[in-house]
Amino acid sequence: MSENKPGGKAAPEMLLRPVGRVISPLKEPSLVAKSGDLARQSRVTRAVESRRVISEVVIDNDLSGIVDGIEDFSHILVLYWAHRVPPEGRSLIKAHPMGRKELPLVGIFATCSPARPNTICATVVRLLERKENVLKVEGLDAIDGSPVVDIKPYNPSYYPASGVKVADWMERIHREFAENFTPGDVSEGNR
């Protein structure tokens, strides 16, 4: 049992098992933890380009049949482990979003950064094709070799939201990304 005792009770031990791995042309993370904050390692457009990247999610052979029927969905939610985040990146409490000092310093849970206590990331991607245990997807921001933790079919009725509010700085980032796109370049639904 964990020593972490929220609400006065011991939390159960958590064990995660990778169910597969990512094969991607993205070889390096775009953000890294440096000097107690985030720093861009690649061009800022890397995040934009990753929405168009084609990757493969290879499910372990011993889980044969676990993705049967997934091809009936246009989009899936891929949960993966940001395995290249070093221990110091897992202790960040606050950071400037995307490592941009002109944006406000916010709690790490207010960002989508992979530098967090548990480096679980999630991305909604377009499922292009399934061949046995290999899923070809568009828009996965995971780097090559990232362990896949889970996959779920994306169903908009499971994730309904109305009256959504987004921080002004995040709206700014999305506007800047949108300016780099031409209409029709990117599928909707990616984070």
N, C-alpha and C. Protein backbone atom coordinates (compact mmCIF):
# COMPACT_ATOMS: atom_id res chain seq x y z
N MET A 1 0.83 -1.18 0.00
CA MET A 1 0.00 0.00 0.00
C MET A 1 0.88 1.25 0.00
N SER A 2 0.41 2.25 -0.66
CA SER A 2 1.13 3.51 -0.75
C SER A 2 1.06 4.27 0.56
N GLU A 3 2.10 5.06 0.82
CA GLU A 3 2.10 5.92 2.01
C GLU A 3 1.23 7.15 1.80
N ASN A 4 0.89 7.45 0.54
CA ASN A 4 0.02 8.57 0.24
C ASN A 4 -1.37 8.26 0.78
N LYS A 5 -1.86 9.08 1.67
CA LYS A 5 -3.12 8.76 2.33
C LYS A 5 -4.16 9.85 2.12
N PRO A 6 -4.68 10.00 0.88
CA PRO A 6 -5.73 10.99 0.68
C PRO A 6 -6.99 10.57 1.43
N GLY A 7 -7.58 11.50 2.14
CA GLY A 7 -8.78 11.19 2.90
C GLY A 7 -8.54 10.26 4.06
N GLY A 8 -7.28 10.10 4.48
CA GLY A 8 -6.97 9.26 5.63
C GLY A 8 -6.86 7.78 5.33
N LYS A 9 -7.01 7.38 4.09
CA LYS A 9 -6.91 5.96 3.74
C LYS A 9 -5.68 5.74 2.87
N ALA A 10 -5.07 4.58 3.02
CA ALA A 10 -3.93 4.23 2.19
C ALA A 10 -4.40 3.97 0.77
N ALA A 11 -3.72 4.56 -0.19
CA ALA A 11 -4.06 4.35 -1.60
C ALA A 11 -3.55 2.99 -2.04
N PRO A 12 -4.31 2.29 -2.88
CA PRO A 12 -3.84 0.99 -3.35
C PRO A 12 -2.63 1.15 -4.27
N GLU A 13 -1.79 0.14 -4.30
CA GLU A 13 -0.65 0.15 -5.21
C GLU A 13 -1.16 0.11 -6.63
N MET A 14 -0.52 0.90 -7.50
CA MET A 14 -0.93 0.94 -8.89
C MET A 14 0.16 0.31 -9.74
N LEU A 15 -0.23 -0.59 -10.59
CA LEU A 15 0.71 -1.21 -11.53
C LEU A 15 0.20 -0.97 -12.94
N LEU A 16 1.06 -0.43 -13.78
CA LEU A 16 0.72 -0.24 -15.18
C LEU A 16 1.57 -1.18 -16.01
N ARG A 17 0.95 -1.77 -16.99
CA ARG A 17 1.66 -2.65 -17.91
C ARG A 17 1.52 -2.08 -19.31
N PRO A 18 2.61 -1.85 -20.01
CA PRO A 18 2.48 -1.41 -21.40
C PRO A 18 1.75 -2.48 -22.22
N VAL A 19 0.89 -2.03 -23.11
CA VAL A 19 0.17 -2.96 -23.99
C VAL A 19 0.73 -2.93 -25.40
N GLY A 20 1.67 -2.04 -25.63
CA GLY A 20 2.28 -1.92 -26.95
C GLY A 20 3.25 -0.76 -26.95
N ARG A 21 3.64 -0.35 -28.16
CA ARG A 21 4.58 0.75 -28.29
C ARG A 21 4.29 1.53 -29.56
N VAL A 22 4.82 2.74 -29.59
CA VAL A 22 4.62 3.64 -30.72
C VAL A 22 5.82 3.58 -31.65
N ILE A 23 5.56 3.50 -32.93
CA ILE A 23 6.59 3.67 -33.96
C ILE A 23 6.26 4.99 -34.64
N SER A 24 7.16 5.96 -34.52
CA SER A 24 6.88 7.31 -34.99
C SER A 24 8.11 7.94 -35.61
N PRO A 25 7.90 8.84 -36.57
CA PRO A 25 9.03 9.61 -37.09
C PRO A 25 9.49 10.68 -36.09
N LEU A 26 8.70 10.94 -35.05
CA LEU A 26 9.09 11.90 -34.01
C LEU A 26 10.08 11.21 -33.08
N LYS A 27 11.31 11.68 -33.09
CA LYS A 27 12.37 11.01 -32.33
C LYS A 27 12.74 11.70 -31.03
N GLU A 28 12.45 12.97 -30.89
CA GLU A 28 12.80 13.74 -29.70
C GLU A 28 11.57 14.47 -29.19
N PRO A 29 11.43 14.60 -27.87
CA PRO A 29 10.32 15.38 -27.33
C PRO A 29 10.50 16.86 -27.67
N SER A 30 9.39 17.55 -27.87
CA SER A 30 9.47 18.97 -28.20
C SER A 30 9.65 19.83 -26.96
N LEU A 31 9.21 19.33 -25.80
CA LEU A 31 9.37 20.06 -24.54
C LEU A 31 10.17 19.21 -23.57
N VAL A 32 11.06 19.86 -22.83
CA VAL A 32 11.82 19.17 -21.80
C VAL A 32 11.82 20.04 -20.54
N ALA A 33 11.97 19.40 -19.40
CA ALA A 33 12.08 20.13 -18.14
C ALA A 33 13.52 20.58 -17.96
N LYS A 34 13.70 21.88 -17.76
CA LYS A 34 15.04 22.44 -17.55
C LYS A 34 14.96 23.56 -16.54
N SER A 35 15.83 23.54 -15.58
CA SER A 35 15.93 24.62 -14.59
C SER A 35 14.59 24.94 -13.94
N GLY A 36 13.81 23.91 -13.61
CA GLY A 36 12.56 24.11 -12.92
C GLY A 36 11.42 24.65 -13.76
N ASP A 37 11.55 24.57 -15.08
CA ASP A 37 10.50 25.05 -15.99
C ASP A 37 10.54 24.18 -17.24
N LEU A 38 9.71 24.50 -18.19
CA LEU A 38 9.71 23.81 -19.47
C LEU A 38 10.55 24.60 -20.47
N ALA A 39 11.17 23.88 -21.39
CA ALA A 39 11.95 24.52 -22.45
C ALA A 39 11.64 23.81 -23.75
N ARG A 40 11.51 24.59 -24.81
CA ARG A 40 11.30 24.00 -26.13
C ARG A 40 12.62 23.42 -26.62
N GLN A 41 12.54 22.20 -27.08
CA GLN A 41 13.74 21.55 -27.60
C GLN A 41 13.75 21.62 -29.12
N SER A 42 12.58 21.71 -29.71
CA SER A 42 12.46 21.78 -31.16
C SER A 42 11.70 23.05 -31.52
N ARG A 43 11.55 23.27 -32.80
CA ARG A 43 10.77 24.43 -33.25
C ARG A 43 9.36 24.36 -32.67
N VAL A 44 8.75 25.52 -32.44
CA VAL A 44 7.38 25.57 -31.92
C VAL A 44 6.41 24.90 -32.88
N THR A 45 6.72 24.91 -34.16
CA THR A 45 5.81 24.29 -35.13
C THR A 45 5.80 22.77 -35.01
N ARG A 46 6.69 22.20 -34.23
CA ARG A 46 6.71 20.75 -34.03
C ARG A 46 5.36 20.26 -33.54
N ALA A 47 4.75 21.01 -32.61
CA ALA A 47 3.43 20.62 -32.09
C ALA A 47 2.39 20.66 -33.21
N VAL A 48 2.50 21.63 -34.08
CA VAL A 48 1.57 21.72 -35.21
C VAL A 48 1.80 20.56 -36.16
N GLU A 49 3.06 20.30 -36.49
CA GLU A 49 3.39 19.23 -37.42
C GLU A 49 2.99 17.86 -36.89
N SER A 50 3.05 17.67 -35.57
CA SER A 50 2.72 16.37 -35.01
C SER A 50 1.26 16.01 -35.23
N ARG A 51 0.42 16.99 -35.48
CA ARG A 51 -0.99 16.71 -35.76
C ARG A 51 -1.17 16.05 -37.13
N ARG A 52 -0.17 16.17 -37.95
CA ARG A 52 -0.24 15.56 -39.29
C ARG A 52 0.59 14.29 -39.41
N VAL A 53 1.41 14.00 -38.43
CA VAL A 53 2.33 12.88 -38.51
C VAL A 53 1.56 11.55 -38.53
N ILE A 54 2.07 10.62 -39.31
CA ILE A 54 1.51 9.27 -39.37
C ILE A 54 2.41 8.36 -38.53
N SER A 55 1.80 7.65 -37.59
CA SER A 55 2.52 6.75 -36.69
C SER A 55 1.84 5.39 -36.68
N GLU A 56 2.50 4.44 -36.06
CA GLU A 56 1.90 3.13 -35.83
C GLU A 56 1.89 2.84 -34.34
N VAL A 57 0.79 2.27 -33.89
CA VAL A 57 0.68 1.77 -32.53
C VAL A 57 0.70 0.26 -32.66
N VAL A 58 1.75 -0.36 -32.16
CA VAL A 58 1.93 -1.81 -32.28
C VAL A 58 1.55 -2.44 -30.95
N ILE A 59 0.48 -3.21 -30.95
CA ILE A 59 -0.01 -3.89 -29.76
C ILE A 59 0.77 -5.19 -29.58
N ASP A 60 1.12 -5.51 -28.34
CA ASP A 60 1.88 -6.72 -28.04
C ASP A 60 1.17 -7.96 -28.59
N ASN A 61 1.94 -8.88 -29.14
CA ASN A 61 1.40 -10.11 -29.72
C ASN A 61 0.63 -10.96 -28.72
N ASP A 62 1.03 -10.92 -27.45
CA ASP A 62 0.35 -11.74 -26.45
C ASP A 62 -1.05 -11.22 -26.11
N LEU A 63 -1.43 -10.09 -26.69
CA LEU A 63 -2.77 -9.53 -26.47
C LEU A 63 -3.62 -9.66 -27.74
N SER A 64 -3.34 -10.69 -28.50
CA SER A 64 -4.05 -10.95 -29.75
C SER A 64 -5.56 -10.85 -29.53
N GLY A 65 -6.21 -10.11 -30.38
CA GLY A 65 -7.66 -9.97 -30.32
C GLY A 65 -8.13 -8.76 -29.53
N ILE A 66 -7.26 -8.10 -28.80
CA ILE A 66 -7.68 -6.99 -27.94
C ILE A 66 -8.17 -5.78 -28.74
N VAL A 67 -7.75 -5.64 -29.98
CA VAL A 67 -8.20 -4.52 -30.80
C VAL A 67 -9.28 -4.91 -31.81
N ASP A 68 -9.77 -6.13 -31.74
CA ASP A 68 -10.84 -6.55 -32.66
C ASP A 68 -12.01 -5.58 -32.57
N GLY A 69 -12.45 -5.07 -33.70
CA GLY A 69 -13.59 -4.15 -33.76
C GLY A 69 -13.20 -2.69 -33.72
N ILE A 70 -11.97 -2.36 -33.38
CA ILE A 70 -11.54 -0.97 -33.27
C ILE A 70 -11.60 -0.27 -34.63
N GLU A 71 -11.47 -1.05 -35.71
CA GLU A 71 -11.48 -0.47 -37.06
C GLU A 71 -12.84 0.12 -37.44
N ASP A 72 -13.87 -0.13 -36.64
CA ASP A 72 -15.20 0.44 -36.88
C ASP A 72 -15.31 1.88 -36.38
N PHE A 73 -14.23 2.41 -35.81
CA PHE A 73 -14.21 3.78 -35.30
C PHE A 73 -13.27 4.63 -36.14
N SER A 74 -13.63 5.88 -36.35
CA SER A 74 -12.76 6.79 -37.12
C SER A 74 -11.64 7.36 -36.26
N HIS A 75 -11.88 7.48 -34.95
CA HIS A 75 -10.90 8.07 -34.04
C HIS A 75 -10.77 7.20 -32.80
N ILE A 76 -9.57 7.23 -32.22
CA ILE A 76 -9.33 6.50 -30.97
C ILE A 76 -8.57 7.42 -30.01
N LEU A 77 -8.67 7.11 -28.75
CA LEU A 77 -7.93 7.81 -27.72
C LEU A 77 -6.76 6.92 -27.33
N VAL A 78 -5.55 7.42 -27.52
CA VAL A 78 -4.34 6.67 -27.19
C VAL A 78 -3.74 7.26 -25.93
N LEU A 79 -3.58 6.43 -24.91
CA LEU A 79 -2.92 6.84 -23.68
C LEU A 79 -1.53 6.22 -23.70
N TYR A 80 -0.53 7.05 -23.51
CA TYR A 80 0.85 6.55 -23.57
C TYR A 80 1.68 7.16 -22.45
N TRP A 81 2.82 6.55 -22.21
CA TRP A 81 3.75 6.98 -21.16
C TRP A 81 4.86 7.80 -21.81
N ALA A 82 5.05 9.02 -21.34
CA ALA A 82 6.12 9.87 -21.85
C ALA A 82 7.43 9.42 -21.20
N HIS A 83 8.00 8.37 -21.75
CA HIS A 83 9.12 7.66 -21.14
C HIS A 83 10.43 8.43 -21.10
N ARG A 84 10.53 9.50 -21.83
CA ARG A 84 11.79 10.26 -21.86
C ARG A 84 11.80 11.43 -20.88
N VAL A 85 10.77 11.56 -20.05
CA VAL A 85 10.75 12.62 -19.04
C VAL A 85 11.60 12.15 -17.87
N PRO A 86 12.70 12.87 -17.57
CA PRO A 86 13.58 12.47 -16.46
C PRO A 86 12.94 12.77 -15.11
N PRO A 87 13.48 12.21 -14.04
CA PRO A 87 12.91 12.43 -12.71
C PRO A 87 12.70 13.91 -12.36
N GLU A 88 13.64 14.78 -12.74
CA GLU A 88 13.45 16.20 -12.41
C GLU A 88 12.24 16.80 -13.12
N GLY A 89 11.89 16.25 -14.27
CA GLY A 89 10.70 16.71 -14.99
C GLY A 89 9.42 16.25 -14.34
N ARG A 90 9.50 15.21 -13.53
CA ARG A 90 8.31 14.69 -12.85
C ARG A 90 8.04 15.42 -11.55
N SER A 91 8.93 16.33 -11.18
CA SER A 91 8.73 17.07 -9.94
C SER A 91 8.31 18.51 -10.18
N LEU A 92 8.08 18.89 -11.43
CA LEU A 92 7.64 20.26 -11.72
C LEU A 92 6.26 20.50 -11.10
N ILE A 93 6.10 21.60 -10.44
CA ILE A 93 4.81 22.00 -9.86
C ILE A 93 4.18 23.07 -10.74
N LYS A 94 5.01 24.00 -11.23
CA LYS A 94 4.54 25.08 -12.09
C LYS A 94 5.47 25.20 -13.29
N ALA A 95 4.91 25.74 -14.39
CA ALA A 95 5.71 25.93 -15.60
C ALA A 95 5.04 26.99 -16.48
N HIS A 96 5.83 27.55 -17.37
CA HIS A 96 5.28 28.41 -18.41
C HIS A 96 4.82 27.49 -19.54
N PRO A 97 3.56 27.57 -19.96
CA PRO A 97 3.08 26.70 -21.04
C PRO A 97 3.98 26.75 -22.27
N MET A 98 4.31 25.58 -22.78
CA MET A 98 5.16 25.41 -23.95
C MET A 98 6.54 26.04 -23.76
N GLY A 99 6.93 26.31 -22.51
CA GLY A 99 8.23 26.91 -22.24
C GLY A 99 8.31 28.37 -22.64
N ARG A 100 7.17 29.00 -22.86
CA ARG A 100 7.13 30.39 -23.33
C ARG A 100 7.01 31.33 -22.14
N LYS A 101 8.06 32.06 -21.87
CA LYS A 101 8.12 32.94 -20.69
C LYS A 101 7.10 34.06 -20.74
N GLU A 102 6.60 34.42 -21.93
CA GLU A 102 5.61 35.49 -22.01
C GLU A 102 4.21 35.01 -21.59
N LEU A 103 4.06 33.70 -21.42
CA LEU A 103 2.79 33.15 -20.94
C LEU A 103 2.87 32.99 -19.43
N PRO A 104 1.72 32.98 -18.75
CA PRO A 104 1.75 32.95 -17.27
C PRO A 104 2.32 31.64 -16.72
N LEU A 105 2.92 31.74 -15.56
CA LEU A 105 3.39 30.57 -14.82
C LEU A 105 2.15 29.92 -14.19
N VAL A 106 1.89 28.66 -14.55
CA VAL A 106 0.68 27.96 -14.08
C VAL A 106 1.05 26.60 -13.51
N GLY A 107 0.15 26.03 -12.74
CA GLY A 107 0.35 24.68 -12.23
C GLY A 107 0.43 23.69 -13.38
N ILE A 108 1.27 22.68 -13.22
CA ILE A 108 1.52 21.73 -14.30
C ILE A 108 0.24 21.03 -14.76
N PHE A 109 -0.75 20.85 -13.85
CA PHE A 109 -2.02 20.24 -14.25
C PHE A 109 -2.87 21.17 -15.10
N ALA A 110 -2.50 22.43 -15.22
CA ALA A 110 -3.20 23.36 -16.12
C ALA A 110 -2.60 23.32 -17.52
N THR A 111 -1.61 22.47 -17.73
CA THR A 111 -0.95 22.35 -19.04
C THR A 111 -1.15 20.93 -19.58
N CYS A 112 -0.80 20.77 -20.83
CA CYS A 112 -0.81 19.44 -21.45
C CYS A 112 0.59 18.87 -21.54
N SER A 113 1.51 19.45 -20.82
CA SER A 113 2.91 19.03 -20.84
C SER A 113 3.06 17.58 -20.38
N PRO A 114 3.98 16.83 -20.99
CA PRO A 114 4.27 15.49 -20.50
C PRO A 114 5.08 15.51 -19.20
N ALA A 115 5.66 16.65 -18.84
CA ALA A 115 6.42 16.76 -17.60
C ALA A 115 5.42 16.93 -16.46
N ARG A 116 5.13 15.83 -15.77
CA ARG A 116 4.14 15.80 -14.69
C ARG A 116 4.45 14.63 -13.79
N PRO A 117 3.86 14.55 -12.60
CA PRO A 117 4.20 13.47 -11.68
C PRO A 117 4.05 12.08 -12.29
N ASN A 118 2.96 11.83 -12.98
CA ASN A 118 2.76 10.59 -13.73
C ASN A 118 2.72 10.98 -15.19
N THR A 119 3.66 10.51 -15.96
CA THR A 119 3.83 11.00 -17.33
C THR A 119 2.88 10.33 -18.32
N ILE A 120 1.62 10.23 -17.91
CA ILE A 120 0.59 9.67 -18.79
C ILE A 120 0.07 10.78 -19.69
N CYS A 121 0.11 10.55 -20.99
CA CYS A 121 -0.39 11.51 -21.96
C CYS A 121 -1.53 10.85 -22.74
N ALA A 122 -2.41 11.69 -23.27
CA ALA A 122 -3.55 11.18 -24.03
C ALA A 122 -3.74 12.04 -25.27
N THR A 123 -3.99 11.39 -26.39
CA THR A 123 -4.24 12.10 -27.64
C THR A 123 -5.34 11.39 -28.41
N VAL A 124 -6.29 12.19 -28.91
CA VAL A 124 -7.31 11.65 -29.81
C VAL A 124 -6.69 11.70 -31.20
N VAL A 125 -6.70 10.57 -31.89
CA VAL A 125 -6.08 10.47 -33.21
C VAL A 125 -7.06 9.86 -34.21
N ARG A 126 -6.81 10.14 -35.47
CA ARG A 126 -7.59 9.51 -36.53
C ARG A 126 -7.01 8.12 -36.78
N LEU A 127 -7.87 7.11 -36.77
CA LEU A 127 -7.45 5.74 -37.07
C LEU A 127 -7.54 5.57 -38.58
N LEU A 128 -6.41 5.39 -39.22
CA LEU A 128 -6.35 5.27 -40.68
C LEU A 128 -6.53 3.83 -41.14
N GLU A 129 -5.98 2.89 -40.34
CA GLU A 129 -5.98 1.50 -40.78
C GLU A 129 -5.61 0.58 -39.62
N ARG A 130 -6.17 -0.61 -39.67
CA ARG A 130 -5.76 -1.66 -38.73
C ARG A 130 -5.33 -2.88 -39.53
N LYS A 131 -4.14 -3.37 -39.22
CA LYS A 131 -3.66 -4.63 -39.79
C LYS A 131 -3.24 -5.50 -38.62
N GLU A 132 -4.08 -6.45 -38.27
CA GLU A 132 -3.85 -7.33 -37.13
C GLU A 132 -3.62 -6.51 -35.87
N ASN A 133 -2.40 -6.52 -35.31
CA ASN A 133 -2.15 -5.81 -34.06
C ASN A 133 -1.48 -4.45 -34.26
N VAL A 134 -1.50 -3.94 -35.49
CA VAL A 134 -0.87 -2.65 -35.79
C VAL A 134 -1.95 -1.65 -36.21
N LEU A 135 -1.98 -0.52 -35.51
CA LEU A 135 -2.92 0.55 -35.81
C LEU A 135 -2.15 1.71 -36.42
N LYS A 136 -2.50 2.07 -37.65
CA LYS A 136 -1.88 3.22 -38.31
C LYS A 136 -2.76 4.42 -37.99
N VAL A 137 -2.14 5.46 -37.40
CA VAL A 137 -2.89 6.61 -36.92
C VAL A 137 -2.29 7.92 -37.41
N GLU A 138 -3.10 8.96 -37.40
CA GLU A 138 -2.65 10.30 -37.76
C GLU A 138 -2.86 11.22 -36.56
N GLY A 139 -1.80 11.97 -36.21
CA GLY A 139 -1.92 12.99 -35.19
C GLY A 139 -1.41 12.60 -33.82
N LEU A 140 -0.74 11.48 -33.68
CA LEU A 140 -0.23 11.06 -32.38
C LEU A 140 1.04 11.84 -32.08
N ASP A 141 1.07 12.51 -30.93
CA ASP A 141 2.22 13.33 -30.56
C ASP A 141 3.27 12.58 -29.76
N ALA A 142 3.12 11.28 -29.60
CA ALA A 142 4.09 10.46 -28.88
C ALA A 142 5.35 10.28 -29.71
N ILE A 143 6.49 10.25 -29.04
CA ILE A 143 7.74 10.02 -29.76
C ILE A 143 7.96 8.51 -29.95
N ASP A 144 8.85 8.19 -30.84
CA ASP A 144 9.17 6.81 -31.16
C ASP A 144 9.56 6.03 -29.90
N GLY A 145 8.98 4.86 -29.74
CA GLY A 145 9.30 4.00 -28.61
C GLY A 145 8.43 4.22 -27.38
N SER A 146 7.54 5.20 -27.41
CA SER A 146 6.69 5.45 -26.24
C SER A 146 5.83 4.23 -25.93
N PRO A 147 5.82 3.80 -24.67
CA PRO A 147 4.95 2.69 -24.28
C PRO A 147 3.48 3.12 -24.32
N VAL A 148 2.65 2.28 -24.89
CA VAL A 148 1.20 2.54 -24.93
C VAL A 148 0.60 1.90 -23.68
N VAL A 149 -0.19 2.68 -22.95
CA VAL A 149 -0.80 2.23 -21.71
C VAL A 149 -2.22 1.70 -21.95
N ASP A 150 -2.96 2.34 -22.87
CA ASP A 150 -4.34 1.93 -23.13
C ASP A 150 -4.80 2.58 -24.42
N ILE A 151 -5.86 2.02 -24.97
CA ILE A 151 -6.53 2.57 -26.16
C ILE A 151 -8.02 2.46 -25.91
N LYS A 152 -8.73 3.52 -26.27
CA LYS A 152 -10.18 3.52 -26.15
C LYS A 152 -10.77 4.06 -27.45
N PRO A 153 -11.93 3.57 -27.85
CA PRO A 153 -12.58 4.18 -29.02
C PRO A 153 -13.05 5.58 -28.64
N TYR A 154 -12.91 6.52 -29.54
CA TYR A 154 -13.38 7.87 -29.25
C TYR A 154 -14.86 7.95 -29.62
N ASN A 155 -15.65 8.32 -28.65
CA ASN A 155 -17.09 8.46 -28.83
C ASN A 155 -17.48 9.81 -28.26
N PRO A 156 -17.86 10.77 -29.11
CA PRO A 156 -18.15 12.11 -28.61
C PRO A 156 -19.26 12.15 -27.56
N SER A 157 -20.17 11.19 -27.56
CA SER A 157 -21.23 11.21 -26.56
C SER A 157 -20.71 10.79 -25.18
N TYR A 158 -19.56 10.13 -25.11
CA TYR A 158 -18.96 9.79 -23.82
C TYR A 158 -18.24 10.98 -23.20
N TYR A 159 -17.86 11.93 -24.04
CA TYR A 159 -17.09 13.09 -23.59
C TYR A 159 -17.84 14.39 -23.89
N PRO A 160 -19.14 14.43 -23.55
CA PRO A 160 -19.89 15.64 -23.88
C PRO A 160 -19.44 16.81 -23.01
N ALA A 161 -19.44 17.97 -23.58
CA ALA A 161 -19.10 19.17 -22.82
C ALA A 161 -19.80 20.36 -23.45
N SER A 162 -20.37 21.17 -22.63
CA SER A 162 -20.95 22.42 -23.11
C SER A 162 -20.46 23.53 -22.20
N GLY A 163 -20.43 24.71 -22.74
CA GLY A 163 -19.95 25.84 -21.95
C GLY A 163 -18.49 25.72 -21.56
N VAL A 164 -17.68 25.13 -22.43
CA VAL A 164 -16.27 24.91 -22.13
C VAL A 164 -15.52 26.24 -22.08
N LYS A 165 -14.74 26.42 -21.04
CA LYS A 165 -13.90 27.61 -20.89
C LYS A 165 -12.45 27.17 -21.00
N VAL A 166 -11.67 27.92 -21.76
CA VAL A 166 -10.25 27.64 -21.93
C VAL A 166 -9.49 28.90 -21.54
N ALA A 167 -8.35 28.73 -20.88
CA ALA A 167 -7.53 29.87 -20.46
C ALA A 167 -7.17 30.73 -21.67
N ASP A 168 -7.08 32.04 -21.45
CA ASP A 168 -6.74 32.98 -22.53
C ASP A 168 -5.43 32.60 -23.20
N TRP A 169 -4.42 32.18 -22.40
CA TRP A 169 -3.12 31.84 -22.99
C TRP A 169 -3.23 30.61 -23.88
N MET A 170 -4.12 29.66 -23.52
CA MET A 170 -4.28 28.48 -24.36
C MET A 170 -5.00 28.84 -25.65
N GLU A 171 -5.99 29.73 -25.56
CA GLU A 171 -6.67 30.22 -26.78
C GLU A 171 -5.64 30.86 -27.71
N ARG A 172 -4.71 31.62 -27.14
CA ARG A 172 -3.66 32.26 -27.93
C ARG A 172 -2.81 31.22 -28.66
N ILE A 173 -2.41 30.18 -27.94
CA ILE A 173 -1.60 29.11 -28.55
C ILE A 173 -2.37 28.45 -29.69
N HIS A 174 -3.65 28.15 -29.47
CA HIS A 174 -4.45 27.51 -30.52
C HIS A 174 -4.61 28.42 -31.73
N ARG A 175 -4.79 29.73 -31.50
CA ARG A 175 -4.87 30.67 -32.63
C ARG A 175 -3.57 30.67 -33.42
N GLU A 176 -2.44 30.68 -32.72
CA GLU A 176 -1.15 30.67 -33.40
C GLU A 176 -0.96 29.39 -34.22
N PHE A 177 -1.37 28.25 -33.66
CA PHE A 177 -1.29 27.00 -34.41
C PHE A 177 -2.18 27.05 -35.64
N ALA A 178 -3.40 27.57 -35.47
CA ALA A 178 -4.36 27.63 -36.57
C ALA A 178 -3.83 28.48 -37.72
N GLU A 179 -3.08 29.51 -37.41
CA GLU A 179 -2.51 30.37 -38.45
C GLU A 179 -1.50 29.64 -39.31
N ASN A 180 -0.93 28.56 -38.79
CA ASN A 180 0.05 27.78 -39.54
C ASN A 180 -0.58 26.70 -40.41
N PHE A 181 -1.90 26.54 -40.31
CA PHE A 181 -2.61 25.51 -41.07
C PHE A 181 -3.31 26.11 -42.26
N THR A 182 -3.43 25.30 -43.30
CA THR A 182 -4.34 25.65 -44.37
C THR A 182 -5.58 24.79 -44.17
N PRO A 183 -6.75 25.29 -44.52
CA PRO A 183 -7.99 24.52 -44.29
C PRO A 183 -7.88 23.11 -44.86
N GLY A 184 -8.36 22.16 -44.08
CA GLY A 184 -8.37 20.77 -44.51
C GLY A 184 -7.10 20.01 -44.20
N ASP A 185 -6.07 20.69 -43.68
CA ASP A 185 -4.82 20.01 -43.38
C ASP A 185 -4.90 19.05 -42.22
N VAL A 186 -5.68 19.39 -41.21
CA VAL A 186 -5.65 18.66 -39.97
C VAL A 186 -7.03 18.15 -39.62
N SER A 187 -7.08 16.92 -39.15
CA SER A 187 -8.35 16.36 -38.67
C SER A 187 -8.71 17.04 -37.36
N GLU A 188 -10.00 17.18 -37.13
CA GLU A 188 -10.47 17.75 -35.87
C GLU A 188 -10.31 16.72 -34.75
N GLY A 189 -10.28 17.20 -33.54
CA GLY A 189 -10.31 16.30 -32.40
C GLY A 189 -8.97 16.02 -31.76
N ASN A 190 -7.88 16.47 -32.32
CA ASN A 190 -6.59 16.23 -31.67
C ASN A 190 -6.39 17.22 -30.55
N ARG A 191 -5.68 16.82 -29.55
CA ARG A 191 -5.47 17.74 -28.44
C ARG A 191 -4.39 18.73 -28.76
